[in-house]
Amino acid sequence: MSETPTPAAALATALRELLVGSRATDGEGVAPAVVLAVIDPATGARHTVALQPESADWLTGLTVNSRASCGNAYGGGNGRCAHCRGTGRAGTAAPGRG
């Protein structure tokens, strides 16, 4: 019977799976651009996720765009998400370009 992972372990695992499943390269022989460390405050266990340059850039963009979408969706925001700028079509060109 397997134990339920701690929130820190689950987050580190989810990040690894997200990056390996989408943008990350195997990184063999390449030094990581960023190493994220998730520390479990209950146990002190350290979970690390090494990011290659492309993965670090992609995760940064994902985080920035998600934050913008959340901020724009609520009171005081402009109502336009960051990934499609309110068009409803993900991956569209920048405003004025399509």
N, C-alpha and C. Protein backbone atom coordinates (compact mmCIF):
# COMPACT_ATOMS: atom_id res chain seq x y z
N MET A 1 0.84 -1.18 0.00
CA MET A 1 0.00 0.00 0.00
C MET A 1 0.89 1.24 0.00
N SER A 2 0.65 2.14 -0.91
CA SER A 2 1.50 3.33 -1.00
C SER A 2 0.93 4.45 -0.14
N GLU A 3 1.84 5.27 0.39
CA GLU A 3 1.44 6.39 1.21
C GLU A 3 1.06 7.58 0.33
N THR A 4 0.19 8.41 0.85
CA THR A 4 -0.16 9.64 0.14
C THR A 4 1.03 10.59 0.23
N PRO A 5 1.47 11.13 -0.91
CA PRO A 5 2.62 12.04 -0.86
C PRO A 5 2.27 13.33 -0.14
N THR A 6 3.27 13.92 0.47
CA THR A 6 3.06 15.22 1.11
C THR A 6 2.80 16.26 0.02
N PRO A 7 2.23 17.40 0.38
CA PRO A 7 2.01 18.44 -0.63
C PRO A 7 3.30 18.84 -1.34
N ALA A 8 4.42 18.90 -0.61
CA ALA A 8 5.69 19.29 -1.23
C ALA A 8 6.14 18.24 -2.25
N ALA A 9 6.04 16.98 -1.89
CA ALA A 9 6.44 15.90 -2.80
C ALA A 9 5.50 15.86 -4.01
N ALA A 10 4.21 16.07 -3.78
CA ALA A 10 3.25 16.06 -4.89
C ALA A 10 3.52 17.21 -5.85
N LEU A 11 3.86 18.39 -5.31
CA LEU A 11 4.17 19.54 -6.18
C LEU A 11 5.41 19.27 -7.01
N ALA A 12 6.47 18.77 -6.38
CA ALA A 12 7.70 18.48 -7.12
C ALA A 12 7.46 17.44 -8.20
N THR A 13 6.69 16.41 -7.88
CA THR A 13 6.39 15.37 -8.86
C THR A 13 5.57 15.94 -10.02
N ALA A 14 4.58 16.76 -9.70
CA ALA A 14 3.75 17.36 -10.75
C ALA A 14 4.58 18.26 -11.67
N LEU A 15 5.51 19.03 -11.09
CA LEU A 15 6.37 19.89 -11.91
C LEU A 15 7.26 19.05 -12.82
N ARG A 16 7.86 17.99 -12.28
CA ARG A 16 8.70 17.12 -13.12
C ARG A 16 7.89 16.53 -14.28
N GLU A 17 6.70 16.03 -13.96
CA GLU A 17 5.86 15.42 -15.01
C GLU A 17 5.42 16.46 -16.04
N LEU A 18 5.09 17.65 -15.60
CA LEU A 18 4.71 18.71 -16.52
C LEU A 18 5.85 19.04 -17.47
N LEU A 19 7.03 19.18 -16.92
CA LEU A 19 8.17 19.60 -17.73
C LEU A 19 8.67 18.48 -18.63
N VAL A 20 8.74 17.27 -18.13
CA VAL A 20 9.21 16.16 -18.95
C VAL A 20 8.18 15.85 -20.03
N GLY A 21 6.90 15.99 -19.69
CA GLY A 21 5.84 15.67 -20.63
C GLY A 21 5.61 16.72 -21.68
N SER A 22 6.23 17.89 -21.54
CA SER A 22 5.93 18.94 -22.51
C SER A 22 7.17 19.55 -23.12
N ARG A 23 7.93 20.30 -22.36
CA ARG A 23 9.00 21.09 -22.92
C ARG A 23 10.41 20.66 -22.57
N ALA A 24 10.57 19.94 -21.48
CA ALA A 24 11.92 19.65 -21.00
C ALA A 24 12.64 18.69 -21.94
N THR A 25 13.93 18.88 -22.04
CA THR A 25 14.76 17.90 -22.73
C THR A 25 15.34 17.01 -21.66
N ASP A 26 15.99 15.93 -22.07
CA ASP A 26 16.56 15.04 -21.05
C ASP A 26 17.72 15.70 -20.32
N GLY A 27 18.28 16.74 -20.92
CA GLY A 27 19.31 17.50 -20.23
C GLY A 27 20.61 16.77 -20.03
N GLU A 28 20.77 15.64 -20.66
CA GLU A 28 21.99 14.85 -20.46
C GLU A 28 23.21 15.66 -20.87
N GLY A 29 24.12 15.86 -19.94
CA GLY A 29 25.33 16.59 -20.22
C GLY A 29 25.16 18.10 -20.22
N VAL A 30 23.96 18.57 -19.92
CA VAL A 30 23.69 20.00 -19.91
C VAL A 30 23.40 20.43 -18.48
N ALA A 31 24.10 21.45 -18.02
CA ALA A 31 23.84 21.96 -16.67
C ALA A 31 22.48 22.63 -16.63
N PRO A 32 21.71 22.42 -15.57
CA PRO A 32 20.41 23.07 -15.49
C PRO A 32 20.57 24.57 -15.35
N ALA A 33 19.59 25.30 -15.87
CA ALA A 33 19.57 26.75 -15.75
C ALA A 33 19.05 27.16 -14.38
N VAL A 34 18.14 26.35 -13.84
CA VAL A 34 17.49 26.63 -12.57
C VAL A 34 17.25 25.31 -11.86
N VAL A 35 17.44 25.29 -10.56
CA VAL A 35 17.03 24.15 -9.75
C VAL A 35 16.04 24.67 -8.73
N LEU A 36 14.80 24.18 -8.84
CA LEU A 36 13.77 24.55 -7.88
C LEU A 36 13.85 23.57 -6.71
N ALA A 37 13.80 24.08 -5.51
CA ALA A 37 13.78 23.23 -4.32
C ALA A 37 12.47 23.47 -3.59
N VAL A 38 11.75 22.40 -3.37
CA VAL A 38 10.51 22.45 -2.62
C VAL A 38 10.80 21.77 -1.28
N ILE A 39 10.69 22.53 -0.20
CA ILE A 39 10.99 22.02 1.12
C ILE A 39 9.68 21.72 1.84
N ASP A 40 9.57 20.51 2.36
CA ASP A 40 8.40 20.12 3.13
C ASP A 40 8.58 20.65 4.55
N PRO A 41 7.77 21.63 4.97
CA PRO A 41 7.97 22.21 6.29
C PRO A 41 7.71 21.22 7.43
N ALA A 42 6.91 20.20 7.17
CA ALA A 42 6.61 19.23 8.22
C ALA A 42 7.76 18.27 8.47
N THR A 43 8.46 17.90 7.40
CA THR A 43 9.52 16.89 7.54
C THR A 43 10.91 17.41 7.26
N GLY A 44 11.00 18.56 6.61
CA GLY A 44 12.30 19.09 6.22
C GLY A 44 12.84 18.45 4.95
N ALA A 45 12.08 17.51 4.38
CA ALA A 45 12.52 16.84 3.15
C ALA A 45 12.61 17.86 2.02
N ARG A 46 13.67 17.73 1.23
CA ARG A 46 13.91 18.63 0.11
C ARG A 46 13.66 17.87 -1.19
N HIS A 47 12.81 18.42 -2.02
CA HIS A 47 12.49 17.84 -3.32
C HIS A 47 12.96 18.82 -4.38
N THR A 48 13.81 18.37 -5.29
CA THR A 48 14.35 19.29 -6.29
C THR A 48 13.85 18.94 -7.70
N VAL A 49 13.75 19.98 -8.49
CA VAL A 49 13.38 19.85 -9.91
C VAL A 49 14.38 20.68 -10.69
N ALA A 50 15.19 20.03 -11.53
CA ALA A 50 16.18 20.73 -12.35
C ALA A 50 15.55 21.12 -13.68
N LEU A 51 15.71 22.39 -14.05
CA LEU A 51 15.11 22.90 -15.28
C LEU A 51 16.19 23.29 -16.27
N GLN A 52 16.05 22.85 -17.49
CA GLN A 52 16.91 23.29 -18.57
C GLN A 52 16.47 24.70 -18.97
N PRO A 53 17.30 25.45 -19.70
CA PRO A 53 16.94 26.83 -20.05
C PRO A 53 15.56 26.97 -20.70
N GLU A 54 15.24 26.10 -21.64
CA GLU A 54 13.94 26.20 -22.33
C GLU A 54 12.80 25.95 -21.36
N SER A 55 12.99 25.00 -20.46
CA SER A 55 11.95 24.68 -19.49
C SER A 55 11.77 25.81 -18.49
N ALA A 56 12.86 26.42 -18.06
CA ALA A 56 12.77 27.55 -17.13
C ALA A 56 12.03 28.70 -17.78
N ASP A 57 12.34 28.99 -19.04
CA ASP A 57 11.66 30.06 -19.77
C ASP A 57 10.17 29.75 -19.92
N TRP A 58 9.86 28.52 -20.28
CA TRP A 58 8.47 28.12 -20.49
C TRP A 58 7.69 28.20 -19.18
N LEU A 59 8.25 27.68 -18.08
CA LEU A 59 7.56 27.70 -16.80
C LEU A 59 7.37 29.13 -16.30
N THR A 60 8.35 29.98 -16.53
CA THR A 60 8.23 31.39 -16.15
C THR A 60 7.09 32.04 -16.92
N GLY A 61 7.04 31.83 -18.24
CA GLY A 61 5.95 32.39 -19.05
C GLY A 61 4.60 31.85 -18.63
N LEU A 62 4.52 30.57 -18.35
CA LEU A 62 3.27 29.95 -17.90
C LEU A 62 2.81 30.59 -16.60
N THR A 63 3.72 30.80 -15.68
CA THR A 63 3.38 31.40 -14.39
C THR A 63 2.93 32.85 -14.55
N VAL A 64 3.68 33.63 -15.33
CA VAL A 64 3.33 35.03 -15.54
C VAL A 64 1.97 35.15 -16.22
N ASN A 65 1.73 34.36 -17.26
CA ASN A 65 0.46 34.43 -17.97
C ASN A 65 -0.70 33.96 -17.11
N SER A 66 -0.48 32.94 -16.30
CA SER A 66 -1.53 32.45 -15.41
C SER A 66 -1.88 33.50 -14.37
N ARG A 67 -0.87 34.15 -13.83
CA ARG A 67 -1.11 35.20 -12.85
C ARG A 67 -1.88 36.36 -13.49
N ALA A 68 -1.52 36.73 -14.70
CA ALA A 68 -2.22 37.80 -15.39
C ALA A 68 -3.67 37.41 -15.66
N SER A 69 -3.89 36.17 -16.07
CA SER A 69 -5.25 35.71 -16.34
C SER A 69 -6.10 35.75 -15.08
N CYS A 70 -5.54 35.29 -13.97
CA CYS A 70 -6.28 35.31 -12.70
C CYS A 70 -6.59 36.74 -12.28
N GLY A 71 -5.61 37.62 -12.39
CA GLY A 71 -5.82 39.01 -12.00
C GLY A 71 -6.84 39.71 -12.87
N ASN A 72 -6.84 39.42 -14.14
CA ASN A 72 -7.76 40.08 -15.07
C ASN A 72 -9.18 39.55 -14.96
N ALA A 73 -9.33 38.33 -14.45
CA ALA A 73 -10.64 37.71 -14.39
C ALA A 73 -11.49 38.22 -13.23
N TYR A 74 -10.89 38.90 -12.28
CA TYR A 74 -11.61 39.33 -11.09
C TYR A 74 -11.70 40.84 -10.98
N GLY A 75 -12.42 41.29 -9.94
CA GLY A 75 -12.67 42.71 -9.73
C GLY A 75 -11.44 43.57 -9.97
N GLY A 76 -11.60 44.60 -10.74
CA GLY A 76 -10.51 45.50 -11.05
C GLY A 76 -9.69 45.08 -12.25
N GLY A 77 -9.88 43.85 -12.71
CA GLY A 77 -9.16 43.38 -13.89
C GLY A 77 -9.88 43.79 -15.15
N ASN A 78 -9.26 43.55 -16.28
CA ASN A 78 -9.87 43.96 -17.54
C ASN A 78 -10.72 42.87 -18.18
N GLY A 79 -10.80 41.70 -17.53
CA GLY A 79 -11.64 40.62 -18.03
C GLY A 79 -11.03 39.82 -19.16
N ARG A 80 -9.80 40.14 -19.53
CA ARG A 80 -9.15 39.46 -20.66
C ARG A 80 -8.04 38.55 -20.14
N CYS A 81 -8.12 37.28 -20.48
CA CYS A 81 -7.08 36.36 -20.03
C CYS A 81 -5.78 36.64 -20.79
N ALA A 82 -4.67 36.16 -20.23
CA ALA A 82 -3.37 36.45 -20.83
C ALA A 82 -3.06 35.55 -22.02
N HIS A 83 -3.60 34.33 -22.04
CA HIS A 83 -3.20 33.42 -23.11
C HIS A 83 -3.88 33.70 -24.45
N CYS A 84 -5.07 34.29 -24.43
CA CYS A 84 -5.72 34.59 -25.72
C CYS A 84 -6.20 36.04 -25.80
N ARG A 85 -5.96 36.80 -24.74
CA ARG A 85 -6.33 38.21 -24.68
C ARG A 85 -7.83 38.44 -24.94
N GLY A 86 -8.64 37.48 -24.45
CA GLY A 86 -10.08 37.64 -24.54
C GLY A 86 -10.71 37.19 -25.84
N THR A 87 -9.92 36.63 -26.75
CA THR A 87 -10.47 36.20 -28.04
C THR A 87 -11.16 34.85 -27.96
N GLY A 88 -10.79 34.05 -26.94
CA GLY A 88 -11.32 32.70 -26.84
C GLY A 88 -10.53 31.70 -27.67
N ARG A 89 -9.49 32.16 -28.34
CA ARG A 89 -8.66 31.29 -29.18
C ARG A 89 -7.25 31.25 -28.60
N ALA A 90 -6.90 30.18 -27.91
CA ALA A 90 -5.56 30.05 -27.33
C ALA A 90 -4.51 30.01 -28.42
N GLY A 91 -3.39 30.62 -28.15
CA GLY A 91 -2.27 30.58 -29.10
C GLY A 91 -2.38 31.59 -30.22
N THR A 92 -3.26 32.56 -30.08
CA THR A 92 -3.39 33.55 -31.15
C THR A 92 -2.23 34.51 -31.12
N ALA A 93 -2.09 35.23 -32.20
CA ALA A 93 -0.98 36.22 -32.31
C ALA A 93 -1.20 37.36 -31.35
N ALA A 94 -0.16 38.12 -31.15
CA ALA A 94 -0.23 39.29 -30.29
C ALA A 94 -1.30 40.24 -30.82
N PRO A 95 -1.86 41.11 -29.95
CA PRO A 95 -2.89 42.05 -30.41
C PRO A 95 -2.44 42.82 -31.64
N GLY A 96 -3.36 42.95 -32.56
CA GLY A 96 -3.04 43.68 -33.79
C GLY A 96 -2.37 42.84 -34.85
N ARG A 97 -2.12 41.54 -34.53
CA ARG A 97 -1.42 40.68 -35.51
C ARG A 97 -2.27 39.48 -35.90
N GLY A 98 -3.55 39.53 -35.74
CA GLY A 98 -4.36 38.40 -36.15
C GLY A 98 -5.50 38.22 -35.35
